[in-house]
Amino acid sequence: MRLFGLHLPPNLFQFASEKQRRADYVACFSTPFGQRVLDDILRRNFVIGYLAVHLDSQNRIDPSIVLLNEGRRSLALDIAR
């Protein structure tokens, strides 16, 4: 697998277990820097401060944008857990 021109082993992005995944996330987001990044992720992905609803120019809900935003929100919530 190649990422940004670097050759990476195929299992680099796999966790040995759910316990290891959680430990890695805690290690990443428990620092002050990590907390700022997590807060930014939550704010930009409709968990804190904004609704995932989007109105078009005629004040109607655009379901395709709502679905896209809900996907982003779901991922941000998964990271935060």
PDB file of N, CA and C in Angstrom:
ATOM      1  N   MET A   1       0.842  -1.174   0.000  1.00  0.00           N
ATOM      2  CA  MET A   1       0.000   0.000   0.000  1.00  0.00           C
ATOM      3  C   MET A   1       0.891   1.241   0.000  1.00  0.00           C
ATOM      4  N   ARG A   2       0.471   2.260  -0.750  1.00  0.00           N
ATOM      5  CA  ARG A   2       1.240   3.489  -0.805  1.00  0.00           C
ATOM      6  C   ARG A   2       0.361   4.643  -0.328  1.00  0.00           C
ATOM      7  N   LEU A   3       0.958   5.516   0.473  1.00  0.00           N
ATOM      8  CA  LEU A   3       0.260   6.696   0.969  1.00  0.00           C
ATOM      9  C   LEU A   3       1.244   7.852   0.926  1.00  0.00           C
ATOM     10  N   PHE A   4       0.896   8.898   0.188  1.00  0.00           N
ATOM     11  CA  PHE A   4       1.777  10.052   0.023  1.00  0.00           C
ATOM     12  C   PHE A   4       3.163   9.630  -0.456  1.00  0.00           C
ATOM     13  N   GLY A   5       3.211   8.648  -1.351  1.00  0.00           N
ATOM     14  CA  GLY A   5       4.463   8.199  -1.927  1.00  0.00           C
ATOM     15  C   GLY A   5       5.275   7.248  -1.056  1.00  0.00           C
ATOM     16  N   LEU A   6       4.753   6.920   0.133  1.00  0.00           N
ATOM     17  CA  LEU A   6       5.466   6.014   1.030  1.00  0.00           C
ATOM     18  C   LEU A   6       4.885   4.617   0.919  1.00  0.00           C
ATOM     19  N   HIS A   7       5.750   3.624   0.952  1.00  0.00           N
ATOM     20  CA  HIS A   7       5.291   2.237   0.957  1.00  0.00           C
ATOM     21  C   HIS A   7       4.975   1.841   2.396  1.00  0.00           C
ATOM     22  N   LEU A   8       3.743   1.419   2.635  1.00  0.00           N
ATOM     23  CA  LEU A   8       3.306   1.056   3.988  1.00  0.00           C
ATOM     24  C   LEU A   8       2.920  -0.417   4.030  1.00  0.00           C
ATOM     25  N   PRO A   9       3.179  -1.091   5.141  1.00  0.00           N
ATOM     26  CA  PRO A   9       2.746  -2.484   5.262  1.00  0.00           C
ATOM     27  C   PRO A   9       1.223  -2.568   5.236  1.00  0.00           C
ATOM     28  N   PRO A  10       0.659  -3.643   4.700  1.00  0.00           N
ATOM     29  CA  PRO A  10      -0.794  -3.735   4.544  1.00  0.00           C
ATOM     30  C   PRO A  10      -1.564  -3.718   5.853  1.00  0.00           C
ATOM     31  N   ASN A  11      -0.981  -4.115   6.958  1.00  0.00           N
ATOM     32  CA  ASN A  11      -1.720  -4.162   8.220  1.00  0.00           C
ATOM     33  C   ASN A  11      -1.457  -2.952   9.108  1.00  0.00           C
ATOM     34  N   LEU A  12      -0.853  -1.889   8.583  1.00  0.00           N
ATOM     35  CA  LEU A  12      -0.502  -0.723   9.381  1.00  0.00           C
ATOM     36  C   LEU A  12      -1.727  -0.091  10.034  1.00  0.00           C
ATOM     37  N   PHE A  13      -2.839  -0.066   9.341  1.00  0.00           N
ATOM     38  CA  PHE A  13      -4.025   0.618   9.842  1.00  0.00           C
ATOM     39  C   PHE A  13      -5.014  -0.332  10.508  1.00  0.00           C
ATOM     40  N   GLN A  14      -4.573  -1.514  10.870  1.00  0.00           N
ATOM     41  CA  GLN A  14      -5.438  -2.469  11.553  1.00  0.00           C
ATOM     42  C   GLN A  14      -5.032  -2.539  13.015  1.00  0.00           C
ATOM     43  N   PHE A  15      -6.022  -2.659  13.887  1.00  0.00           N
ATOM     44  CA  PHE A  15      -5.776  -2.789  15.316  1.00  0.00           C
ATOM     45  C   PHE A  15      -5.836  -4.258  15.689  1.00  0.00           C
ATOM     46  N   ALA A  16      -5.009  -4.651  16.641  1.00  0.00           N
ATOM     47  CA  ALA A  16      -4.990  -6.047  17.086  1.00  0.00           C
ATOM     48  C   ALA A  16      -6.309  -6.427  17.748  1.00  0.00           C
ATOM     49  N   SER A  17      -6.941  -5.459  18.404  1.00  0.00           N
ATOM     50  CA  SER A  17      -8.205  -5.738  19.089  1.00  0.00           C
ATOM     51  C   SER A  17      -8.952  -4.436  19.319  1.00  0.00           C
ATOM     52  N   GLU A  18     -10.193  -4.560  19.715  1.00  0.00           N
ATOM     53  CA  GLU A  18     -10.984  -3.377  20.063  1.00  0.00           C
ATOM     54  C   GLU A  18     -10.349  -2.665  21.255  1.00  0.00           C
ATOM     55  N   LYS A  19      -9.831  -3.424  22.176  1.00  0.00           N
ATOM     56  CA  LYS A  19      -9.168  -2.845  23.350  1.00  0.00           C
ATOM     57  C   LYS A  19      -7.964  -1.997  22.922  1.00  0.00           C
ATOM     58  N   GLN A  20      -7.185  -2.496  21.974  1.00  0.00           N
ATOM     59  CA  GLN A  20      -6.030  -1.745  21.477  1.00  0.00           C
ATOM     60  C   GLN A  20      -6.467  -0.492  20.737  1.00  0.00           C
ATOM     61  N   ARG A  21      -7.531  -0.589  19.952  1.00  0.00           N
ATOM     62  CA  ARG A  21      -8.055   0.582  19.237  1.00  0.00           C
ATOM     63  C   ARG A  21      -8.439   1.662  20.222  1.00  0.00           C
ATOM     64  N   ARG A  22      -9.181   1.284  21.259  1.00  0.00           N
ATOM     65  CA  ARG A  22      -9.610   2.266  22.258  1.00  0.00           C
ATOM     66  C   ARG A  22      -8.407   2.891  22.979  1.00  0.00           C
ATOM     67  N   ALA A  23      -7.431   2.070  23.328  1.00  0.00           N
ATOM     68  CA  ALA A  23      -6.230   2.579  24.005  1.00  0.00           C
ATOM     69  C   ALA A  23      -5.489   3.575  23.121  1.00  0.00           C
ATOM     70  N   ASP A  24      -5.399   3.285  21.833  1.00  0.00           N
ATOM     71  CA  ASP A  24      -4.723   4.196  20.902  1.00  0.00           C
ATOM     72  C   ASP A  24      -5.481   5.515  20.774  1.00  0.00           C
ATOM     73  N   TYR A  25      -6.803   5.448  20.712  1.00  0.00           N
ATOM     74  CA  TYR A  25      -7.601   6.673  20.629  1.00  0.00           C
ATOM     75  C   TYR A  25      -7.442   7.504  21.894  1.00  0.00           C
ATOM     76  N   VAL A  26      -7.481   6.857  23.052  1.00  0.00           N
ATOM     77  CA  VAL A  26      -7.310   7.578  24.315  1.00  0.00           C
ATOM     78  C   VAL A  26      -5.936   8.238  24.357  1.00  0.00           C
ATOM     79  N   ALA A  27      -4.900   7.506  23.965  1.00  0.00           N
ATOM     80  CA  ALA A  27      -3.554   8.070  23.959  1.00  0.00           C
ATOM     81  C   ALA A  27      -3.471   9.277  23.020  1.00  0.00           C
ATOM     82  N   CYS A  28      -4.138   9.190  21.893  1.00  0.00           N
ATOM     83  CA  CYS A  28      -4.105  10.268  20.906  1.00  0.00           C
ATOM     84  C   CYS A  28      -4.862  11.504  21.382  1.00  0.00           C
ATOM     85  N   PHE A  29      -6.036  11.322  21.952  1.00  0.00           N
ATOM     86  CA  PHE A  29      -6.902  12.454  22.263  1.00  0.00           C
ATOM     87  C   PHE A  29      -6.875  12.880  23.726  1.00  0.00           C
ATOM     88  N   SER A  30      -6.025  12.293  24.565  1.00  0.00           N
ATOM     89  CA  SER A  30      -5.997  12.664  25.978  1.00  0.00           C
ATOM     90  C   SER A  30      -5.040  13.820  26.269  1.00  0.00           C
ATOM     91  N   THR A  31      -4.222  14.192  25.315  1.00  0.00           N
ATOM     92  CA  THR A  31      -3.311  15.325  25.509  1.00  0.00           C
ATOM     93  C   THR A  31      -4.061  16.632  25.236  1.00  0.00           C
ATOM     94  N   PRO A  32      -3.539  17.763  25.706  1.00  0.00           N
ATOM     95  CA  PRO A  32      -4.189  19.048  25.387  1.00  0.00           C
ATOM     96  C   PRO A  32      -4.316  19.264  23.869  1.00  0.00           C
ATOM     97  N   PHE A  33      -3.276  18.915  23.123  1.00  0.00           N
ATOM     98  CA  PHE A  33      -3.323  19.029  21.670  1.00  0.00           C
ATOM     99  C   PHE A  33      -4.426  18.132  21.106  1.00  0.00           C
ATOM    100  N   GLY A  34      -4.481  16.893  21.571  1.00  0.00           N
ATOM    101  CA  GLY A  34      -5.498  15.950  21.118  1.00  0.00           C
ATOM    102  C   GLY A  34      -6.898  16.404  21.468  1.00  0.00           C
ATOM    103  N   GLN A  35      -7.071  17.025  22.632  1.00  0.00           N
ATOM    104  CA  GLN A  35      -8.383  17.534  23.028  1.00  0.00           C
ATOM    105  C   GLN A  35      -8.826  18.660  22.097  1.00  0.00           C
ATOM    106  N   ARG A  36      -7.890  19.531  21.707  1.00  0.00           N
ATOM    107  CA  ARG A  36      -8.236  20.605  20.763  1.00  0.00           C
ATOM    108  C   ARG A  36      -8.634  20.034  19.410  1.00  0.00           C
ATOM    109  N   VAL A  37      -7.898  19.020  18.960  1.00  0.00           N
ATOM    110  CA  VAL A  37      -8.214  18.391  17.674  1.00  0.00           C
ATOM    111  C   VAL A  37      -9.580  17.713  17.746  1.00  0.00           C
ATOM    112  N   LEU A  38      -9.844  16.976  18.825  1.00  0.00           N
ATOM    113  CA  LEU A  38     -11.136  16.302  18.981  1.00  0.00           C
ATOM    114  C   LEU A  38     -12.267  17.321  19.026  1.00  0.00           C
ATOM    115  N   ASP A  39     -12.081  18.408  19.754  1.00  0.00           N
ATOM    116  CA  ASP A  39     -13.097  19.461  19.811  1.00  0.00           C
ATOM    117  C   ASP A  39     -13.365  20.020  18.421  1.00  0.00           C
ATOM    118  N   ASP A  40     -12.316  20.230  17.646  1.00  0.00           N
ATOM    119  CA  ASP A  40     -12.474  20.730  16.278  1.00  0.00           C
ATOM    120  C   ASP A  40     -13.245  19.725  15.418  1.00  0.00           C
ATOM    121  N   ILE A  41     -12.908  18.447  15.544  1.00  0.00           N
ATOM    122  CA  ILE A  41     -13.619  17.396  14.794  1.00  0.00           C
ATOM    123  C   ILE A  41     -15.106  17.412  15.150  1.00  0.00           C
ATOM    124  N   LEU A  42     -15.413  17.510  16.437  1.00  0.00           N
ATOM    125  CA  LEU A  42     -16.814  17.500  16.867  1.00  0.00           C
ATOM    126  C   LEU A  42     -17.561  18.745  16.396  1.00  0.00           C
ATOM    127  N   ARG A  43     -16.905  19.892  16.426  1.00  0.00           N
ATOM    128  CA  ARG A  43     -17.565  21.127  15.972  1.00  0.00           C
ATOM    129  C   ARG A  43     -17.767  21.143  14.458  1.00  0.00           C
ATOM    130  N   ARG A  44     -16.792  20.690  13.706  1.00  0.00           N
ATOM    131  CA  ARG A  44     -16.882  20.733  12.241  1.00  0.00           C
ATOM    132  C   ARG A  44     -17.811  19.665  11.667  1.00  0.00           C
ATOM    133  N   ASN A  45     -18.181  18.702  12.487  1.00  0.00           N
ATOM    134  CA  ASN A  45     -18.983  17.585  11.985  1.00  0.00           C
ATOM    135  C   ASN A  45     -20.322  17.452  12.694  1.00  0.00           C
ATOM    136  N   PHE A  46     -20.856  18.597  13.112  1.00  0.00           N
ATOM    137  CA  PHE A  46     -22.245  18.713  13.551  1.00  0.00           C
ATOM    138  C   PHE A  46     -22.563  17.980  14.847  1.00  0.00           C
ATOM    139  N   VAL A  47     -21.583  17.783  15.722  1.00  0.00           N
ATOM    140  CA  VAL A  47     -21.851  17.187  17.034  1.00  0.00           C
ATOM    141  C   VAL A  47     -22.056  18.295  18.055  1.00  0.00           C
ATOM    142  N   ILE A  48     -21.245  19.354  17.978  1.00  0.00           N
ATOM    143  CA  ILE A  48     -21.338  20.481  18.904  1.00  0.00           C
ATOM    144  C   ILE A  48     -21.676  21.738  18.115  1.00  0.00           C
ATOM    145  N   GLY A  49     -22.749  22.398  18.494  1.00  0.00           N
ATOM    146  CA  GLY A  49     -23.019  23.732  17.986  1.00  0.00           C
ATOM    147  C   GLY A  49     -23.869  23.868  16.743  1.00  0.00           C
ATOM    148  N   TYR A  50     -23.932  22.855  15.899  1.00  0.00           N
ATOM    149  CA  TYR A  50     -24.669  22.987  14.647  1.00  0.00           C
ATOM    150  C   TYR A  50     -25.573  21.791  14.438  1.00  0.00           C
ATOM    151  N   LEU A  51     -26.626  21.998  13.673  1.00  0.00           N
ATOM    152  CA  LEU A  51     -27.481  20.891  13.265  1.00  0.00           C
ATOM    153  C   LEU A  51     -27.028  20.387  11.907  1.00  0.00           C
ATOM    154  N   ALA A  52     -27.259  19.118  11.651  1.00  0.00           N
ATOM    155  CA  ALA A  52     -26.846  18.524  10.372  1.00  0.00           C
ATOM    156  C   ALA A  52     -27.896  18.738   9.288  1.00  0.00           C
ATOM    157  N   VAL A  53     -28.841  19.645   9.510  1.00  0.00           N
ATOM    158  CA  VAL A  53     -29.904  19.931   8.545  1.00  0.00           C
ATOM    159  C   VAL A  53     -29.462  21.102   7.674  1.00  0.00           C
ATOM    160  N   HIS A  54     -29.734  21.003   6.402  1.00  0.00           N
ATOM    161  CA  HIS A  54     -29.367  22.061   5.456  1.00  0.00           C
ATOM    162  C   HIS A  54     -30.612  22.456   4.679  1.00  0.00           C
ATOM    163  N   LEU A  55     -30.872  23.759   4.605  1.00  0.00           N
ATOM    164  CA  LEU A  55     -32.009  24.255   3.837  1.00  0.00           C
ATOM    165  C   LEU A  55     -31.520  24.784   2.498  1.00  0.00           C
ATOM    166  N   ASP A  56     -32.296  24.499   1.438  1.00  0.00           N
ATOM    167  CA  ASP A  56     -31.934  25.032   0.125  1.00  0.00           C
ATOM    168  C   ASP A  56     -32.417  26.475   0.015  1.00  0.00           C
ATOM    169  N   SER A  57     -32.314  27.055  -1.163  1.00  0.00           N
ATOM    170  CA  SER A  57     -32.657  28.468  -1.347  1.00  0.00           C
ATOM    171  C   SER A  57     -34.143  28.758  -1.117  1.00  0.00           C
ATOM    172  N   GLN A  58     -34.978  27.724  -1.148  1.00  0.00           N
ATOM    173  CA  GLN A  58     -36.419  27.904  -0.909  1.00  0.00           C
ATOM    174  C   GLN A  58     -36.821  27.427   0.486  1.00  0.00           C
ATOM    175  N   ASN A  59     -35.854  27.352   1.390  1.00  0.00           N
ATOM    176  CA  ASN A  59     -36.068  26.928   2.780  1.00  0.00           C
ATOM    177  C   ASN A  59     -36.655  25.532   2.904  1.00  0.00           C
ATOM    178  N   ARG A  60     -36.260  24.650   2.001  1.00  0.00           N
ATOM    179  CA  ARG A  60     -36.639  23.244   2.091  1.00  0.00           C
ATOM    180  C   ARG A  60     -35.415  22.451   2.518  1.00  0.00           C
ATOM    181  N   ILE A  61     -35.655  21.379   3.255  1.00  0.00           N
ATOM    182  CA  ILE A  61     -34.554  20.521   3.681  1.00  0.00           C
ATOM    183  C   ILE A  61     -34.046  19.738   2.482  1.00  0.00           C
ATOM    184  N   ASP A  62     -32.738  19.754   2.286  1.00  0.00           N
ATOM    185  CA  ASP A  62     -32.100  19.004   1.207  1.00  0.00           C
ATOM    186  C   ASP A  62     -31.667  17.655   1.773  1.00  0.00           C
ATOM    187  N   PRO A  63     -32.402  16.564   1.465  1.00  0.00           N
ATOM    188  CA  PRO A  63     -32.102  15.266   2.086  1.00  0.00           C
ATOM    189  C   PRO A  63     -30.716  14.723   1.759  1.00  0.00           C
ATOM    190  N   SER A  64     -30.183  15.022   0.581  1.00  0.00           N
ATOM    191  CA  SER A  64     -28.857  14.499   0.247  1.00  0.00           C
ATOM    192  C   SER A  64     -27.783  15.141   1.115  1.00  0.00           C
ATOM    193  N   ILE A  65     -27.909  16.432   1.395  1.00  0.00           N
ATOM    194  CA  ILE A  65     -26.952  17.117   2.260  1.00  0.00           C
ATOM    195  C   ILE A  65     -27.109  16.633   3.704  1.00  0.00           C
ATOM    196  N   VAL A  66     -28.342  16.410   4.125  1.00  0.00           N
ATOM    197  CA  VAL A  66     -28.586  15.897   5.482  1.00  0.00           C
ATOM    198  C   VAL A  66     -27.917  14.536   5.651  1.00  0.00           C
ATOM    199  N   LEU A  67     -28.048  13.667   4.656  1.00  0.00           N
ATOM    200  CA  LEU A  67     -27.420  12.341   4.741  1.00  0.00           C
ATOM    201  C   LEU A  67     -25.899  12.450   4.788  1.00  0.00           C
ATOM    202  N   LEU A  68     -25.338  13.317   3.977  1.00  0.00           N
ATOM    203  CA  LEU A  68     -23.894  13.529   3.986  1.00  0.00           C
ATOM    204  C   LEU A  68     -23.438  14.022   5.363  1.00  0.00           C
ATOM    205  N   ASN A  69     -24.141  15.017   5.902  1.00  0.00           N
ATOM    206  CA  ASN A  69     -23.778  15.566   7.204  1.00  0.00           C
ATOM    207  C   ASN A  69     -23.953  14.550   8.322  1.00  0.00           C
ATOM    208  N   GLU A  70     -24.966  13.720   8.238  1.00  0.00           N
ATOM    209  CA  GLU A  70     -25.166  12.686   9.256  1.00  0.00           C
ATOM    210  C   GLU A  70     -24.051  11.651   9.222  1.00  0.00           C
ATOM    211  N   GLY A  71     -23.532  11.361   8.035  1.00  0.00           N
ATOM    212  CA  GLY A  71     -22.380  10.462   7.933  1.00  0.00           C
ATOM    213  C   GLY A  71     -21.161  11.055   8.610  1.00  0.00           C
ATOM    214  N   ARG A  72     -20.935  12.335   8.386  1.00  0.00           N
ATOM    215  CA  ARG A  72     -19.821  13.019   9.052  1.00  0.00           C
ATOM    216  C   ARG A  72     -20.020  13.021  10.563  1.00  0.00           C
ATOM    217  N   ARG A  73     -21.240  13.294  10.985  1.00  0.00           N
ATOM    218  CA  ARG A  73     -21.553  13.333  12.420  1.00  0.00           C
ATOM    219  C   ARG A  73     -21.339  11.965  13.057  1.00  0.00           C
ATOM    220  N   SER A  74     -21.770  10.924  12.372  1.00  0.00           N
ATOM    221  CA  SER A  74     -21.627   9.564  12.883  1.00  0.00           C
ATOM    222  C   SER A  74     -20.155   9.200  13.079  1.00  0.00           C
ATOM    223  N   LEU A  75     -19.320   9.568  12.118  1.00  0.00           N
ATOM    224  CA  LEU A  75     -17.888   9.283  12.234  1.00  0.00           C
ATOM    225  C   LEU A  75     -17.275  10.051  13.399  1.00  0.00           C
ATOM    226  N   ALA A  76     -17.646  11.325  13.549  1.00  0.00           N
ATOM    227  CA  ALA A  76     -17.111  12.130  14.662  1.00  0.00           C
ATOM    228  C   ALA A  76     -17.529  11.541  16.000  1.00  0.00           C
ATOM    229  N   LEU A  77     -18.775  11.074  16.108  1.00  0.00           N
ATOM    230  CA  LEU A  77     -19.227  10.450  17.352  1.00  0.00           C
ATOM    231  C   LEU A  77     -18.482   9.146  17.619  1.00  0.00           C
ATOM    232  N   ASP A  78     -18.197   8.395  16.575  1.00  0.00           N
ATOM    233  CA  ASP A  78     -17.440   7.151  16.740  1.00  0.00           C
ATOM    234  C   ASP A  78     -16.027   7.445  17.259  1.00  0.00           C
ATOM    235  N   ILE A  79     -15.404   8.488  16.766  1.00  0.00           N
ATOM    236  CA  ILE A  79     -14.079   8.872  17.247  1.00  0.00           C
ATOM    237  C   ILE A  79     -14.149   9.300  18.708  1.00  0.00           C
ATOM    238  N   ALA A  80     -15.172  10.070  19.055  1.00  0.00           N
ATOM    239  CA  ALA A  80     -15.301  10.579  20.419  1.00  0.00           C
ATOM    240  C   ALA A  80     -15.593   9.489  21.443  1.00  0.00           C
ATOM    241  N   ARG A  81     -16.192   8.417  21.014  1.00  0.00           N
ATOM    242  CA  ARG A  81     -16.492   7.332  21.955  1.00  0.00           C
ATOM    243  C   ARG A  81     -15.240   6.579  22.242  1.00  0.00           C
TER     244      ARG A  81
END
